[in-house]
Amino acid sequence: MPKRILQGVVVSTLQNKTVTVRVERRVKHPAYSKVIRRSKKYAAHDEQNECKVGDNVSIRECKPISKRKTWEILPNNA
């Protein structure tokens, strides 16, 4: 099965080798039929600590690195 790739914005770099990435998606409200934005935050592995807050990055699924961290920054974005 292929690994999922998501695109988002870095919102936090406080941890060592870890960044928090906010991924937004657009969904249609079931009752009102209005398109609304939903977002979710993922902890992603950043080996070189190269990402800064506000960077647009792509993240890819990987094997679990810690309890919450199962995503990694793709190298061409870092």
Protein backbone atom coordinates (compact mmCIF):
# COMPACT_ATOMS: atom_id res chain seq x y z
CA MET A 1 0.00 0.00 0.00
CA PRO A 2 1.45 3.42 -0.91
CA LYS A 3 2.30 5.89 1.81
CA ARG A 4 0.06 8.94 2.14
CA ILE A 5 1.52 12.36 1.36
CA LEU A 6 -0.07 15.50 2.81
CA GLN A 7 0.77 19.18 2.41
CA GLY A 8 0.58 21.74 5.18
CA VAL A 9 2.15 24.63 7.05
CA VAL A 10 4.65 24.38 9.91
CA VAL A 11 3.10 25.93 13.03
CA SER A 12 5.61 24.92 15.73
CA THR A 13 9.30 23.99 15.92
CA LEU A 14 9.73 23.93 19.71
CA GLN A 15 10.76 20.27 19.98
CA ASN A 16 14.10 18.87 18.86
CA LYS A 17 13.90 17.08 15.46
CA THR A 18 10.11 17.47 15.46
CA VAL A 19 7.81 20.00 13.81
CA THR A 20 4.07 20.41 14.08
CA VAL A 21 2.35 20.69 10.69
CA ARG A 22 -1.24 21.93 10.21
CA VAL A 23 -2.99 20.29 7.27
CA GLU A 24 -6.21 21.88 5.99
CA ARG A 25 -8.90 20.20 3.94
CA ARG A 26 -12.15 21.48 2.48
CA VAL A 27 -15.37 19.57 3.08
CA LYS A 28 -19.01 20.21 2.27
CA HIS A 29 -21.31 20.61 5.25
CA PRO A 30 -23.90 17.80 5.17
CA ALA A 31 -26.91 19.96 6.08
CA TYR A 32 -26.06 23.42 4.75
CA SER A 33 -24.07 22.41 1.63
CA LYS A 34 -21.50 25.10 2.39
CA VAL A 35 -17.81 24.37 1.84
CA ILE A 36 -15.94 24.70 5.13
CA ARG A 37 -12.30 24.28 6.14
CA ARG A 38 -11.20 21.61 8.58
CA SER A 39 -7.65 21.35 9.90
CA LYS A 40 -5.63 18.79 11.81
CA LYS A 41 -2.14 18.97 13.30
CA TYR A 42 0.47 16.26 12.81
CA ALA A 43 3.83 15.79 14.52
CA ALA A 44 6.45 15.18 11.83
CA HIS A 45 10.10 14.14 12.03
CA ASP A 46 12.63 16.77 10.88
CA GLU A 47 16.07 15.17 11.18
CA GLN A 48 18.14 18.28 10.34
CA ASN A 49 15.93 20.84 12.19
CA GLU A 50 15.72 22.84 8.94
CA CYS A 51 12.03 23.81 8.91
CA LYS A 52 10.85 27.17 10.22
CA VAL A 53 7.41 28.37 11.29
CA GLY A 54 5.36 29.32 8.23
CA ASP A 55 7.11 26.97 5.77
CA ASN A 56 4.92 25.02 3.34
CA VAL A 57 5.99 21.38 3.55
CA SER A 58 4.94 17.93 2.40
CA ILE A 59 4.83 15.11 4.93
CA ARG A 60 4.80 11.36 4.30
CA GLU A 61 3.69 8.44 6.44
CA CYS A 62 6.49 6.39 7.97
CA LYS A 63 6.97 3.77 10.64
CA PRO A 64 6.30 5.00 14.19
CA ILE A 65 9.21 7.05 15.53
CA SER A 66 7.57 7.81 18.87
CA LYS A 67 4.12 7.66 20.46
CA ARG A 68 2.70 10.52 18.36
CA LYS A 69 5.19 10.83 15.53
CA THR A 70 4.43 8.69 12.46
CA TRP A 71 5.11 11.28 9.74
CA GLU A 72 8.33 12.62 8.22
CA ILE A 73 9.20 15.74 6.25
CA LEU A 74 9.95 15.00 2.60
CA PRO A 75 13.59 15.89 1.82
CA ASN A 76 12.91 18.18 -1.15
CA ASN A 77 10.97 20.59 1.11
CA ALA A 78 13.32 20.71 4.07
